[in-house]
Structures are given as C-alpha cells and as structure tokens.
Amino acid sequence: MISSLRIPFLIALSALAVAAFAGCAASGPKSGASSSDGGPSSYINNEKVERSIEQSSRQQRRQRVVASCPALVKIKKGGSFTCVIATGRGDGKFRVTMKDEKGNVHYEAVPH
C-alpha cells in the first residue's frame, strides 16, 4: 500500500519535475566517453539523467532523493526506460522518454 505522503510527493514531483534537457548522450559504453569519429552519440548518459532527477527533486520539493538509471541505454527516438528513486519515505520510479536522436529526454514520476 502506498503511504498518503508518498502519493502527493509523486504527483507534485511529476507535475513540477517534468523536464526536457539536452546533452544526455554518451558515445560508448562508458558515460561521458567521446566518439572517436566525431559522429553522433549512441548511448544515454545515465549519470546525467540521474543528476537531473535528483536536482529537480531538491529544487522543487526540497527533498533529497537518490536516482538510479540503467546503463547502456541506446538512444532511440520515442524509446523509454525507467529510473528508480529512493527517498526518506520510500521508493519511486521515473519514466524517461527519449525525444530525439540527440539524447534529449523528458522524464516524469510514475504513479503507483
């Protein structure tokens, strides 16, 4: 059962933290790696997505969370993946959707 405090947190965070940001791409299996051929990146920079979710939570809800996103997610427009957050009140999830082939994403809290 979801606590009564958790539902407002996820709803408010979802409404406030829906964000789009650029530069969440890495060219190789390691985040932050650069492409040797100068071509477009092919993997989402999961560490940058995690930091963005954590920062949104701190700024908009004044709550610290720890986000964990999967590594080695290939960039694909319209593709999505799930990040898990841990808070002092329990766990939650964010759905991250890739907006384009450049690594721009949109994320929002997943209601339980």
C-alpha atoms as a PDB file:
ATOM      1  CA  MET A   1       0.000   0.000   0.000  1.00  0.00           C
ATOM      2  CA  ILE A   2       1.256   3.493  -0.835  1.00  0.00           C
ATOM      3  CA  SER A   3       1.527   5.903   2.054  1.00  0.00           C
ATOM      4  CA  SER A   4      -0.591   9.047   1.970  1.00  0.00           C
ATOM      5  CA  LEU A   5       2.583  11.156   1.997  1.00  0.00           C
ATOM      6  CA  ARG A   6       4.069   9.333  -0.964  1.00  0.00           C
ATOM      7  CA  ILE A   7       1.203   9.948  -3.388  1.00  0.00           C
ATOM      8  CA  PRO A   8       1.283  13.764  -3.131  1.00  0.00           C
ATOM      9  CA  PHE A   9       5.080  13.674  -3.412  1.00  0.00           C
ATOM     10  CA  LEU A  10       4.991  11.680  -6.648  1.00  0.00           C
ATOM     11  CA  ILE A  11       2.123  13.670  -8.123  1.00  0.00           C
ATOM     12  CA  ALA A  12       3.708  17.019  -7.311  1.00  0.00           C
ATOM     13  CA  LEU A  13       7.138  15.891  -8.417  1.00  0.00           C
ATOM     14  CA  SER A  14       5.675  14.580 -11.639  1.00  0.00           C
ATOM     15  CA  ALA A  15       3.895  17.858 -12.313  1.00  0.00           C
ATOM     16  CA  LEU A  16       6.869  20.015 -11.399  1.00  0.00           C
ATOM     17  CA  ALA A  17       9.772  17.886 -12.498  1.00  0.00           C
ATOM     18  CA  VAL A  18       8.600  17.089 -15.982  1.00  0.00           C
ATOM     19  CA  ALA A  19      11.651  18.295 -17.789  1.00  0.00           C
ATOM     20  CA  ALA A  20      13.376  18.215 -21.103  1.00  0.00           C
ATOM     21  CA  PHE A  21      17.083  18.663 -21.250  1.00  0.00           C
ATOM     22  CA  ALA A  22      19.848  18.357 -23.832  1.00  0.00           C
ATOM     23  CA  GLY A  23      23.145  16.573 -23.811  1.00  0.00           C
ATOM     24  CA  CYS A  24      22.208  13.307 -22.163  1.00  0.00           C
ATOM     25  CA  ALA A  25      24.178  11.269 -24.623  1.00  0.00           C
ATOM     26  CA  ALA A  26      27.451   9.387 -24.429  1.00  0.00           C
ATOM     27  CA  SER A  27      29.144   7.741 -27.378  1.00  0.00           C
ATOM     28  CA  GLY A  28      30.265   4.500 -25.861  1.00  0.00           C
ATOM     29  CA  PRO A  29      29.519   2.089 -23.083  1.00  0.00           C
ATOM     30  CA  LYS A  30      31.014   4.472 -20.518  1.00  0.00           C
ATOM     31  CA  SER A  31      29.129   7.647 -19.720  1.00  0.00           C
ATOM     32  CA  GLY A  32      30.959  10.738 -20.863  1.00  0.00           C
ATOM     33  CA  ALA A  33      33.035   8.901 -23.458  1.00  0.00           C
ATOM     34  CA  SER A  34      33.657  10.779 -26.669  1.00  0.00           C
ATOM     35  CA  SER A  35      33.160   9.485 -30.146  1.00  0.00           C
ATOM     36  CA  SER A  36      36.427   8.789 -31.961  1.00  0.00           C
ATOM     37  CA  ASP A  37      34.855   9.514 -35.351  1.00  0.00           C
ATOM     38  CA  GLY A  38      33.124  12.696 -34.193  1.00  0.00           C
ATOM     39  CA  GLY A  39      29.764  11.151 -35.059  1.00  0.00           C
ATOM     40  CA  PRO A  40      26.584  11.329 -33.021  1.00  0.00           C
ATOM     41  CA  SER A  41      26.419   9.673 -29.631  1.00  0.00           C
ATOM     42  CA  SER A  42      24.618   6.380 -29.288  1.00  0.00           C
ATOM     43  CA  TYR A  43      24.052   5.900 -25.534  1.00  0.00           C
ATOM     44  CA  ILE A  44      22.129   7.934 -22.984  1.00  0.00           C
ATOM     45  CA  ASN A  45      24.322   9.441 -20.275  1.00  0.00           C
ATOM     46  CA  ASN A  46      22.534   7.756 -17.368  1.00  0.00           C
ATOM     47  CA  GLU A  47      24.549   9.682 -14.778  1.00  0.00           C
ATOM     48  CA  LYS A  48      23.343  12.997 -16.188  1.00  0.00           C
ATOM     49  CA  VAL A  49      19.729  11.817 -16.133  1.00  0.00           C
ATOM     50  CA  GLU A  50      20.163  10.701 -12.511  1.00  0.00           C
ATOM     51  CA  ARG A  51      21.634  14.078 -11.515  1.00  0.00           C
ATOM     52  CA  SER A  52      18.817  15.931 -13.251  1.00  0.00           C
ATOM     53  CA  ILE A  53      16.107  13.937 -11.455  1.00  0.00           C
ATOM     54  CA  GLU A  54      17.882  14.465  -8.117  1.00  0.00           C
ATOM     55  CA  GLN A  55      18.304  18.191  -8.753  1.00  0.00           C
ATOM     56  CA  SER A  56      14.646  18.629  -9.742  1.00  0.00           C
ATOM     57  CA  SER A  57      13.574  16.948  -6.530  1.00  0.00           C
ATOM     58  CA  ARG A  58      15.851  19.157  -4.403  1.00  0.00           C
ATOM     59  CA  GLN A  59      14.801  22.390  -6.096  1.00  0.00           C
ATOM     60  CA  GLN A  60      11.090  21.783  -6.479  1.00  0.00           C
ATOM     61  CA  ARG A  61      10.225  19.608  -3.473  1.00  0.00           C
ATOM     62  CA  ARG A  62      13.150  20.409  -1.186  1.00  0.00           C
ATOM     63  CA  GLN A  63      13.651  16.698  -0.781  1.00  0.00           C
ATOM     64  CA  ARG A  64      16.796  14.700  -1.372  1.00  0.00           C
ATOM     65  CA  VAL A  65      16.428  11.592  -3.468  1.00  0.00           C
ATOM     66  CA  VAL A  66      18.925   9.184  -4.951  1.00  0.00           C
ATOM     67  CA  ALA A  67      18.173   8.226  -8.541  1.00  0.00           C
ATOM     68  CA  SER A  68      19.417   5.109 -10.291  1.00  0.00           C
ATOM     69  CA  CYS A  69      19.024   4.719 -14.063  1.00  0.00           C
ATOM     70  CA  PRO A  70      20.101   1.772 -16.204  1.00  0.00           C
ATOM     71  CA  ALA A  71      23.432   1.970 -18.014  1.00  0.00           C
ATOM     72  CA  LEU A  72      23.996   1.313 -21.711  1.00  0.00           C
ATOM     73  CA  VAL A  73      20.606   2.523 -22.930  1.00  0.00           C
ATOM     74  CA  LYS A  74      20.857   3.084 -26.677  1.00  0.00           C
ATOM     75  CA  ILE A  75      19.375   6.323 -27.924  1.00  0.00           C
ATOM     76  CA  LYS A  76      16.219   5.772 -29.942  1.00  0.00           C
ATOM     77  CA  LYS A  77      13.646   8.476 -30.568  1.00  0.00           C
ATOM     78  CA  GLY A  78      10.476   7.511 -28.715  1.00  0.00           C
ATOM     79  CA  GLY A  79      12.273   4.857 -26.674  1.00  0.00           C
ATOM     80  CA  SER A  80      11.930   4.869 -22.920  1.00  0.00           C
ATOM     81  CA  PHE A  81      13.396   3.417 -19.753  1.00  0.00           C
ATOM     82  CA  THR A  82      12.701   3.562 -16.028  1.00  0.00           C
ATOM     83  CA  CYS A  83      14.826   5.098 -13.286  1.00  0.00           C
ATOM     84  CA  VAL A  84      14.301   4.214  -9.621  1.00  0.00           C
ATOM     85  CA  ILE A  85      14.465   6.812  -6.856  1.00  0.00           C
ATOM     86  CA  ALA A  86      14.973   6.286  -3.151  1.00  0.00           C
ATOM     87  CA  THR A  87      13.633   8.855  -0.702  1.00  0.00           C
ATOM     88  CA  GLY A  88      13.427   9.033   3.051  1.00  0.00           C
ATOM     89  CA  ARG A  89       9.793   7.990   2.664  1.00  0.00           C
ATOM     90  CA  GLY A  90      10.234   5.061   0.295  1.00  0.00           C
ATOM     91  CA  ASP A  91      10.987   4.304  -3.317  1.00  0.00           C
ATOM     92  CA  GLY A  92       9.511   5.576  -6.552  1.00  0.00           C
ATOM     93  CA  LYS A  93      10.048   5.428 -10.299  1.00  0.00           C
ATOM     94  CA  PHE A  94      10.519   7.870 -13.135  1.00  0.00           C
ATOM     95  CA  ARG A  95       9.740   7.092 -16.765  1.00  0.00           C
ATOM     96  CA  VAL A  96      12.327   8.643 -19.101  1.00  0.00           C
ATOM     97  CA  THR A  97      11.374   9.054 -22.769  1.00  0.00           C
ATOM     98  CA  MET A  98      13.870   9.903 -25.497  1.00  0.00           C
ATOM     99  CA  LYS A  99      12.632  12.867 -27.517  1.00  0.00           C
ATOM    100  CA  ASP A 100      15.102  12.644 -30.396  1.00  0.00           C
ATOM    101  CA  GLU A 101      18.278  11.000 -31.682  1.00  0.00           C
ATOM    102  CA  LYS A 102      20.462  13.584 -29.907  1.00  0.00           C
ATOM    103  CA  GLY A 103      19.815  12.285 -26.399  1.00  0.00           C
ATOM    104  CA  ASN A 104      17.223  14.868 -25.318  1.00  0.00           C
ATOM    105  CA  VAL A 105      14.807  13.317 -22.851  1.00  0.00           C
ATOM    106  CA  HIS A 106      11.621  14.003 -20.918  1.00  0.00           C
ATOM    107  CA  TYR A 107      11.001  12.436 -17.518  1.00  0.00           C
ATOM    108  CA  GLU A 108       8.105  12.199 -15.115  1.00  0.00           C
ATOM    109  CA  ALA A 109       7.198  10.309 -11.965  1.00  0.00           C
ATOM    110  CA  VAL A 110       5.339   7.046 -12.459  1.00  0.00           C
ATOM    111  CA  PRO A 111       2.203   6.842 -10.301  1.00  0.00           C
ATOM    112  CA  HIS A 112       1.828   3.629  -8.322  1.00  0.00           C
END
